[in-house]
PDB file of N, CA and C in Angstrom:
ATOM      1  N   MET A   1     183.349  84.018  27.748  1.00  0.00           N
ATOM      2  CA  MET A   1     183.095  82.644  26.837  1.00  0.00           C
ATOM      3  C   MET A   1     182.230  81.596  27.779  1.00  0.00           C
ATOM      4  N   GLY A   2     181.212  81.135  28.268  1.00  0.00           N
ATOM      5  CA  GLY A   2     180.491  80.371  28.902  1.00  0.00           C
ATOM      6  C   GLY A   2     179.814  78.974  28.434  1.00  0.00           C
ATOM      7  N   VAL A   3     179.742  78.671  27.130  1.00  0.00           N
ATOM      8  CA  VAL A   3     179.950  77.559  26.477  1.00  0.00           C
ATOM      9  C   VAL A   3     180.975  76.634  26.542  1.00  0.00           C
ATOM     10  N   PRO A   4     181.017  75.239  27.190  1.00  0.00           N
ATOM     11  CA  PRO A   4     181.897  74.559  27.332  1.00  0.00           C
ATOM     12  C   PRO A   4     182.170  73.724  25.537  1.00  0.00           C
ATOM     13  N   THR A   5     181.055  73.982  24.563  1.00  0.00           N
ATOM     14  CA  THR A   5     181.523  73.546  23.301  1.00  0.00           C
ATOM     15  C   THR A   5     182.113  74.419  22.534  1.00  0.00           C
ATOM     16  N   GLU A   6     182.069  75.640  22.661  1.00  0.00           N
ATOM     17  CA  GLU A   6     182.829  76.952  22.193  1.00  0.00           C
ATOM     18  C   GLU A   6     183.887  76.935  22.439  1.00  0.00           C
ATOM     19  N   ALA A   7     184.157  76.495  23.742  1.00  0.00           N
ATOM     20  CA  ALA A   7     185.455  76.879  24.535  1.00  0.00           C
ATOM     21  C   ALA A   7     186.831  75.428  23.502  1.00  0.00           C
ATOM     22  N   LEU A   8     185.836  74.828  23.700  1.00  0.00           N
ATOM     23  CA  LEU A   8     186.398  73.638  22.983  1.00  0.00           C
ATOM     24  C   LEU A   8     186.417  73.807  21.787  1.00  0.00           C
ATOM     25  N   ARG A   9     185.780  74.321  20.635  1.00  0.00           N
ATOM     26  CA  ARG A   9     185.757  74.542  19.575  1.00  0.00           C
ATOM     27  C   ARG A   9     186.986  75.693  18.944  1.00  0.00           C
ATOM     28  N   LYS A  10     186.950  76.640  19.550  1.00  0.00           N
ATOM     29  CA  LYS A  10     187.975  77.885  20.056  1.00  0.00           C
ATOM     30  C   LYS A  10     189.817  77.663  20.204  1.00  0.00           C
ATOM     31  N   SER A  11     189.645  76.262  21.099  1.00  0.00           N
ATOM     32  CA  SER A  11     190.515  75.365  21.622  1.00  0.00           C
ATOM     33  C   SER A  11     191.499  74.813  20.398  1.00  0.00           C
ATOM     34  N   GLN A  12     190.697  74.613  19.550  1.00  0.00           N
ATOM     35  CA  GLN A  12     191.281  73.599  17.984  1.00  0.00           C
ATOM     36  C   GLN A  12     191.971  74.679  17.185  1.00  0.00           C
ATOM     37  N   LYS A  13     192.520  76.362  17.034  1.00  0.00           N
ATOM     38  CA  LYS A  13     192.570  77.301  16.747  1.00  0.00           C
ATOM     39  C   LYS A  13     193.684  78.170  17.566  1.00  0.00           C
ATOM     40  N   ASP A  14     193.412  78.339  18.754  1.00  0.00           N
ATOM     41  CA  ASP A  14     193.966  79.228  20.127  1.00  0.00           C
ATOM     42  C   ASP A  14     194.113  78.399  21.097  1.00  0.00           C
ATOM     43  N   LEU A  15     194.725  79.268  21.896  1.00  0.00           N
ATOM     44  CA  LEU A  15     194.889  79.198  23.347  1.00  0.00           C
ATOM     45  C   LEU A  15     193.570  79.694  24.090  1.00  0.00           C
ATOM     46  N   VAL A  16     192.508  78.917  24.841  1.00  0.00           N
ATOM     47  CA  VAL A  16     191.556  79.564  25.600  1.00  0.00           C
ATOM     48  C   VAL A  16     191.816  79.438  27.395  1.00  0.00           C
ATOM     49  N   VAL A  17     191.571  80.522  27.975  1.00  0.00           N
ATOM     50  CA  VAL A  17     192.294  80.683  28.908  1.00  0.00           C
ATOM     51  C   VAL A  17     190.221  80.464  29.491  1.00  0.00           C
ATOM     52  N   VAL A  18     190.360  79.669  30.652  1.00  0.00           N
ATOM     53  CA  VAL A  18     189.102  79.815  31.275  1.00  0.00           C
ATOM     54  C   VAL A  18     189.233  80.365  32.699  1.00  0.00           C
ATOM     55  N   MET A  19     188.346  81.315  32.894  1.00  0.00           N
ATOM     56  CA  MET A  19     188.152  82.169  33.821  1.00  0.00           C
ATOM     57  C   MET A  19     187.340  81.238  35.367  1.00  0.00           C
ATOM     58  N   ASN A  20     187.819  81.498  36.028  1.00  0.00           N
ATOM     59  CA  ASN A  20     187.003  81.598  37.438  1.00  0.00           C
ATOM     60  C   ASN A  20     186.680  82.794  38.254  1.00  0.00           C
ATOM     61  N   ARG A  21     185.491  83.391  38.065  1.00  0.00           N
ATOM     62  CA  ARG A  21     185.202  84.321  38.581  1.00  0.00           C
ATOM     63  C   ARG A  21     186.318  85.688  37.697  1.00  0.00           C
ATOM     64  N   ASP A  22     187.058  86.234  38.528  1.00  0.00           N
ATOM     65  CA  ASP A  22     188.061  87.525  38.113  1.00  0.00           C
ATOM     66  C   ASP A  22     189.555  86.676  37.996  1.00  0.00           C
ATOM     67  N   ARG A  23     189.648  85.456  38.294  1.00  0.00           N
ATOM     68  CA  ARG A  23     191.157  84.454  38.240  1.00  0.00           C
ATOM     69  C   ARG A  23     190.925  83.645  37.460  1.00  0.00           C
ATOM     70  N   PRO A  24     192.139  83.457  36.390  1.00  0.00           N
ATOM     71  CA  PRO A  24     192.325  82.212  35.013  1.00  0.00           C
ATOM     72  C   PRO A  24     192.560  81.207  36.025  1.00  0.00           C
ATOM     73  N   ASP A  25     192.079  79.922  35.848  1.00  0.00           N
ATOM     74  CA  ASP A  25     191.731  78.832  36.364  1.00  0.00           C
ATOM     75  C   ASP A  25     192.110  77.756  35.721  1.00  0.00           C
ATOM     76  N   ALA A  26     192.371  77.909  33.858  1.00  0.00           N
ATOM     77  CA  ALA A  26     192.803  76.452  33.223  1.00  0.00           C
ATOM     78  C   ALA A  26     193.181  77.445  31.868  1.00  0.00           C
ATOM     79  N   LEU A  27     194.129  76.360  31.304  1.00  0.00           N
ATOM     80  CA  LEU A  27     194.420  76.526  29.650  1.00  0.00           C
ATOM     81  C   LEU A  27     193.999  75.753  28.846  1.00  0.00           C
ATOM     82  N   MET A  28     193.060  75.577  27.851  1.00  0.00           N
ATOM     83  CA  MET A  28     192.812  74.801  27.176  1.00  0.00           C
ATOM     84  C   MET A  28     193.525  75.342  25.718  1.00  0.00           C
ATOM     85  N   VAL A  29     194.433  74.391  25.040  1.00  0.00           N
ATOM     86  CA  VAL A  29     194.945  73.773  23.607  1.00  0.00           C
ATOM     87  C   VAL A  29     194.348  72.855  23.061  1.00  0.00           C
ATOM     88  N   GLY A  30     194.139  73.174  21.583  1.00  0.00           N
ATOM     89  CA  GLY A  30     193.818  71.437  21.190  1.00  0.00           C
ATOM     90  C   GLY A  30     195.173  70.820  20.803  1.00  0.00           C
ATOM     91  N   LEU A  31     195.042  69.849  21.055  1.00  0.00           N
ATOM     92  CA  LEU A  31     195.822  68.784  20.819  1.00  0.00           C
ATOM     93  C   LEU A  31     196.937  68.920  19.350  1.00  0.00           C
ATOM     94  N   ALA A  32     195.674  69.155  18.698  1.00  0.00           N
ATOM     95  CA  ALA A  32     195.951  68.889  16.897  1.00  0.00           C
ATOM     96  C   ALA A  32     196.768  70.046  16.467  1.00  0.00           C
ATOM     97  N   SER A  33     196.322  71.374  17.106  1.00  0.00           N
ATOM     98  CA  SER A  33     197.205  72.758  16.529  1.00  0.00           C
ATOM     99  C   SER A  33     198.359  72.389  17.505  1.00  0.00           C
ATOM    100  N   LEU A  34     198.958  71.894  18.419  1.00  0.00           N
ATOM    101  CA  LEU A  34     200.273  71.870  18.743  1.00  0.00           C
ATOM    102  C   LEU A  34     200.723  70.487  18.233  1.00  0.00           C
ATOM    103  N   GLY A  35     200.450  70.231  17.402  1.00  0.00           N
ATOM    104  CA  GLY A  35     200.624  68.555  16.855  1.00  0.00           C
ATOM    105  C   GLY A  35     201.405  67.613  17.496  1.00  0.00           C
ATOM    106  N   ALA A  36     200.811  67.719  19.034  1.00  0.00           N
ATOM    107  CA  ALA A  36     201.101  66.695  19.756  1.00  0.00           C
ATOM    108  C   ALA A  36     200.617  65.390  19.813  1.00  0.00           C
ATOM    109  N   MET A  37     199.978  65.162  19.071  1.00  0.00           N
ATOM    110  CA  MET A  37     199.382  63.797  18.700  1.00  0.00           C
ATOM    111  C   MET A  37     200.348  62.939  17.568  1.00  0.00           C
ATOM    112  N   ASP A  38     201.328  63.789  17.116  1.00  0.00           N
ATOM    113  CA  ASP A  38     201.713  63.300  16.251  1.00  0.00           C
ATOM    114  C   ASP A  38     203.492  63.033  16.749  1.00  0.00           C
ATOM    115  N   LEU A  39     203.935  63.241  17.639  1.00  0.00           N
ATOM    116  CA  LEU A  39     204.999  63.393  18.604  1.00  0.00           C
ATOM    117  C   LEU A  39     205.082  61.941  19.051  1.00  0.00           C
ATOM    118  N   GLU A  40     206.268  60.971  18.967  1.00  0.00           N
ATOM    119  CA  GLU A  40     206.575  59.874  19.180  1.00  0.00           C
ATOM    120  C   GLU A  40     205.666  59.625  20.619  1.00  0.00           C
ATOM    121  N   GLY A  41     204.943  58.503  21.272  1.00  0.00           N
ATOM    122  CA  GLY A  41     204.702  57.998  22.220  1.00  0.00           C
ATOM    123  C   GLY A  41     203.130  58.816  22.393  1.00  0.00           C
ATOM    124  N   VAL A  42     202.945  59.842  22.011  1.00  0.00           N
ATOM    125  CA  VAL A  42     201.806  61.094  22.939  1.00  0.00           C
ATOM    126  C   VAL A  42     200.674  59.800  22.547  1.00  0.00           C
ATOM    127  N   ARG A  43     200.437  59.705  21.414  1.00  0.00           N
ATOM    128  CA  ARG A  43     199.144  58.143  21.361  1.00  0.00           C
ATOM    129  C   ARG A  43     199.000  57.339  22.425  1.00  0.00           C
ATOM    130  N   ALA A  44     200.165  56.560  22.216  1.00  0.00           N
ATOM    131  CA  ALA A  44     200.285  55.458  23.448  1.00  0.00           C
ATOM    132  C   ALA A  44     200.206  55.917  24.533  1.00  0.00           C
ATOM    133  N   ALA A  45     200.489  57.113  25.149  1.00  0.00           N
ATOM    134  CA  ALA A  45     200.583  57.347  26.615  1.00  0.00           C
ATOM    135  C   ALA A  45     199.070  58.112  26.900  1.00  0.00           C
ATOM    136  N   LEU A  46     198.582  58.653  26.006  1.00  0.00           N
ATOM    137  CA  LEU A  46     197.588  59.106  26.051  1.00  0.00           C
ATOM    138  C   LEU A  46     195.910  57.964  26.066  1.00  0.00           C
ATOM    139  N   ALA A  47     196.263  57.057  25.263  1.00  0.00           N
ATOM    140  CA  ALA A  47     195.204  55.610  25.322  1.00  0.00           C
ATOM    141  C   ALA A  47     195.646  55.248  26.462  1.00  0.00           C
ATOM    142  N   THR A  48     196.836  55.098  26.913  1.00  0.00           N
ATOM    143  CA  THR A  48     196.828  53.988  28.432  1.00  0.00           C
ATOM    144  C   THR A  48     196.226  55.008  29.311  1.00  0.00           C
ATOM    145  N   ALA A  49     196.519  55.986  29.656  1.00  0.00           N
ATOM    146  CA  ALA A  49     195.875  56.640  30.786  1.00  0.00           C
ATOM    147  C   ALA A  49     194.336  56.636  31.357  1.00  0.00           C
ATOM    148  N   LEU A  50     194.013  56.632  29.351  1.00  0.00           N
ATOM    149  CA  LEU A  50     192.632  56.764  29.442  1.00  0.00           C
ATOM    150  C   LEU A  50     191.835  55.645  29.863  1.00  0.00           C
ATOM    151  N   PHE A  51     192.268  54.507  29.283  1.00  0.00           N
ATOM    152  CA  PHE A  51     192.210  53.203  29.744  1.00  0.00           C
ATOM    153  C   PHE A  51     192.219  52.733  31.185  1.00  0.00           C
ATOM    154  N   LYS A  52     193.170  52.952  31.517  1.00  0.00           N
ATOM    155  CA  LYS A  52     193.689  53.113  32.992  1.00  0.00           C
ATOM    156  C   LYS A  52     192.426  53.200  33.588  1.00  0.00           C
ATOM    157  N   ASP A  53     192.404  54.525  34.012  1.00  0.00           N
ATOM    158  CA  ASP A  53     191.433  55.096  34.322  1.00  0.00           C
ATOM    159  C   ASP A  53     189.792  54.892  34.066  1.00  0.00           C
ATOM    160  N   GLY A  54     189.688  54.239  33.081  1.00  0.00           N
ATOM    161  CA  GLY A  54     188.299  53.794  32.614  1.00  0.00           C
ATOM    162  C   GLY A  54     187.592  54.277  31.840  1.00  0.00           C
ATOM    163  N   HIS A  55     188.308  55.944  31.156  1.00  0.00           N
ATOM    164  CA  HIS A  55     187.598  56.226  30.472  1.00  0.00           C
ATOM    165  C   HIS A  55     187.330  56.161  28.880  1.00  0.00           C
ATOM    166  N   LEU A  56     188.076  54.996  28.128  1.00  0.00           N
ATOM    167  CA  LEU A  56     188.056  54.609  27.174  1.00  0.00           C
ATOM    168  C   LEU A  56     188.119  52.894  27.448  1.00  0.00           C
ATOM    169  N   ALA A  57     186.960  52.220  26.289  1.00  0.00           N
ATOM    170  CA  ALA A  57     187.561  50.431  25.947  1.00  0.00           C
ATOM    171  C   ALA A  57     188.793  50.242  25.613  1.00  0.00           C
ATOM    172  N   LEU A  58     188.463  49.083  26.005  1.00  0.00           N
ATOM    173  CA  LEU A  58     190.086  48.593  25.303  1.00  0.00           C
ATOM    174  C   LEU A  58     190.233  48.229  23.875  1.00  0.00           C
ATOM    175  N   ALA A  59     189.055  48.511  22.906  1.00  0.00           N
ATOM    176  CA  ALA A  59     189.525  48.640  21.618  1.00  0.00           C
ATOM    177  C   ALA A  59     189.864  49.859  21.226  1.00  0.00           C
ATOM    178  N   ARG A  60     188.920  51.169  21.931  1.00  0.00           N
ATOM    179  CA  ARG A  60     188.912  52.259  21.558  1.00  0.00           C
ATOM    180  C   ARG A  60     190.225  52.879  22.003  1.00  0.00           C
ATOM    181  N   ALA A  61     190.902  52.672  23.028  1.00  0.00           N
ATOM    182  CA  ALA A  61     192.022  52.778  23.295  1.00  0.00           C
ATOM    183  C   ALA A  61     193.348  52.669  22.220  1.00  0.00           C
ATOM    184  N   ALA A  62     193.148  51.239  21.736  1.00  0.00           N
ATOM    185  CA  ALA A  62     193.779  50.643  20.797  1.00  0.00           C
ATOM    186  C   ALA A  62     194.178  51.147  19.704  1.00  0.00           C
ATOM    187  N   ARG A  63     192.927  51.901  19.227  1.00  0.00           N
ATOM    188  CA  ARG A  63     192.656  52.974  18.006  1.00  0.00           C
ATOM    189  C   ARG A  63     192.970  54.236  18.463  1.00  0.00           C
ATOM    190  N   VAL A  64     192.840  54.692  19.265  1.00  0.00           N
ATOM    191  CA  VAL A  64     193.701  56.132  19.829  1.00  0.00           C
ATOM    192  C   VAL A  64     195.343  56.133  19.824  1.00  0.00           C
ATOM    193  N   ALA A  65     195.269  54.645  20.161  1.00  0.00           N
ATOM    194  CA  ALA A  65     197.057  54.455  20.272  1.00  0.00           C
ATOM    195  C   ALA A  65     197.656  54.280  18.526  1.00  0.00           C
ATOM    196  N   GLN A  66     196.390  54.130  18.199  1.00  0.00           N
ATOM    197  CA  GLN A  66     197.151  53.825  16.268  1.00  0.00           C
ATOM    198  C   GLN A  66     197.839  52.224  16.683  1.00  0.00           C
ATOM    199  N   MET A  67     197.340  51.371  17.004  1.00  0.00           N
ATOM    200  CA  MET A  67     197.913  49.887  17.304  1.00  0.00           C
ATOM    201  C   MET A  67     196.702  48.791  17.052  1.00  0.00           C
ATOM    202  N   PRO A  68     197.173  47.802  16.419  1.00  0.00           N
ATOM    203  CA  PRO A  68     196.245  46.671  16.617  1.00  0.00           C
ATOM    204  C   PRO A  68     196.083  46.546  18.228  1.00  0.00           C
ATOM    205  N   LEU A  69     194.688  45.962  18.433  1.00  0.00           N
ATOM    206  CA  LEU A  69     194.340  45.360  19.854  1.00  0.00           C
ATOM    207  C   LEU A  69     195.441  44.610  20.432  1.00  0.00           C
ATOM    208  N   GLY A  70     195.931  43.612  19.653  1.00  0.00           N
ATOM    209  CA  GLY A  70     197.090  42.661  20.463  1.00  0.00           C
ATOM    210  C   GLY A  70     197.994  43.617  20.815  1.00  0.00           C
ATOM    211  N   ALA A  71     198.442  44.341  19.650  1.00  0.00           N
ATOM    212  CA  ALA A  71     199.648  45.200  20.529  1.00  0.00           C
ATOM    213  C   ALA A  71     199.483  45.948  21.351  1.00  0.00           C
ATOM    214  N   PHE A  72     198.597  46.509  21.805  1.00  0.00           N
ATOM    215  CA  PHE A  72     197.997  47.229  22.725  1.00  0.00           C
ATOM    216  C   PHE A  72     198.119  46.833  23.850  1.00  0.00           C
ATOM    217  N   ILE A  73     197.243  45.520  23.814  1.00  0.00           N
ATOM    218  CA  ILE A  73     197.619  44.867  24.522  1.00  0.00           C
ATOM    219  C   ILE A  73     198.740  44.301  25.567  1.00  0.00           C
ATOM    220  N   ALA A  74     199.909  44.066  24.541  1.00  0.00           N
ATOM    221  CA  ALA A  74     200.931  43.962  25.039  1.00  0.00           C
ATOM    222  C   ALA A  74     201.666  45.044  25.699  1.00  0.00           C
ATOM    223  N   HIS A  75     201.390  46.187  25.220  1.00  0.00           N
ATOM    224  CA  HIS A  75     202.011  47.545  25.625  1.00  0.00           C
ATOM    225  C   HIS A  75     201.343  47.785  27.212  1.00  0.00           C
ATOM    226  N   PHE A  76     200.153  47.786  27.097  1.00  0.00           N
ATOM    227  CA  PHE A  76     199.119  47.876  28.457  1.00  0.00           C
ATOM    228  C   PHE A  76     200.060  46.720  29.574  1.00  0.00           C
ATOM    229  N   ARG A  77     200.062  45.710  29.025  1.00  0.00           N
ATOM    230  CA  ARG A  77     200.623  44.710  30.234  1.00  0.00           C
ATOM    231  C   ARG A  77     202.100  44.815  30.328  1.00  0.00           C
ATOM    232  N   ASP A  78     202.915  45.470  29.493  1.00  0.00           N
ATOM    233  CA  ASP A  78     204.372  45.852  29.770  1.00  0.00           C
ATOM    234  C   ASP A  78     204.425  47.465  30.435  1.00  0.00           C
ATOM    235  N   TRP A  79     203.159  47.775  30.480  1.00  0.00           N
ATOM    236  CA  TRP A  79     203.141  49.263  31.179  1.00  0.00           C
ATOM    237  C   TRP A  79     202.775  48.994  32.846  1.00  0.00           C
ATOM    238  N   VAL A  80     202.223  48.019  33.171  1.00  0.00           N
ATOM    239  CA  VAL A  80     201.469  47.562  34.088  1.00  0.00           C
ATOM    240  C   VAL A  80     202.720  46.690  34.886  1.00  0.00           C
ATOM    241  N   SER A  81     203.498  46.173  34.475  1.00  0.00           N
ATOM    242  CA  SER A  81     204.389  45.309  35.005  1.00  0.00           C
ATOM    243  C   SER A  81     205.647  46.634  35.263  1.00  0.00           C
ATOM    244  N   ARG A  82     205.604  47.485  34.444  1.00  0.00           N
ATOM    245  CA  ARG A  82     206.728  48.807  35.155  1.00  0.00           C
ATOM    246  C   ARG A  82     206.583  49.392  35.816  1.00  0.00           C
ATOM    247  N   TRP A  83     205.389  50.029  36.302  1.00  0.00           N
ATOM    248  CA  TRP A  83     205.031  50.882  36.479  1.00  0.00           C
ATOM    249  C   TRP A  83     203.820  50.209  37.878  1.00  0.00           C
ATOM    250  N   CYS A  84     203.060  49.751  38.009  1.00  0.00           N
ATOM    251  CA  CYS A  84     202.245  49.217  39.095  1.00  0.00           C
ATOM    252  C   CYS A  84     202.547  48.130  39.972  1.00  0.00           C
ATOM    253  N   LYS A  85     203.762  47.914  41.158  1.00  0.00           N
ATOM    254  CA  LYS A  85     204.384  47.168  41.527  1.00  0.00           C
ATOM    255  C   LYS A  85     203.757  46.883  42.665  1.00  0.00           C
TER     256      LYS A  85
END
């Protein structure tokens, strides 16, 4: 499978092994297929990491976390105060 969008689409239904020449290099699995996004704290953790690394804007991160903007800001401040000393 050489097309990234095809691999992503297939990962929504099954595991996808990404090969580098003749060796397995990565494993793709759709978060929805695992039900991972429904586990407590996963959305907030993912949104926090993506916002911290600059991959999501603040408002988008709040939507990913399924939190009101003010609640996500408070969550992020709390995270920073705990982990970024």
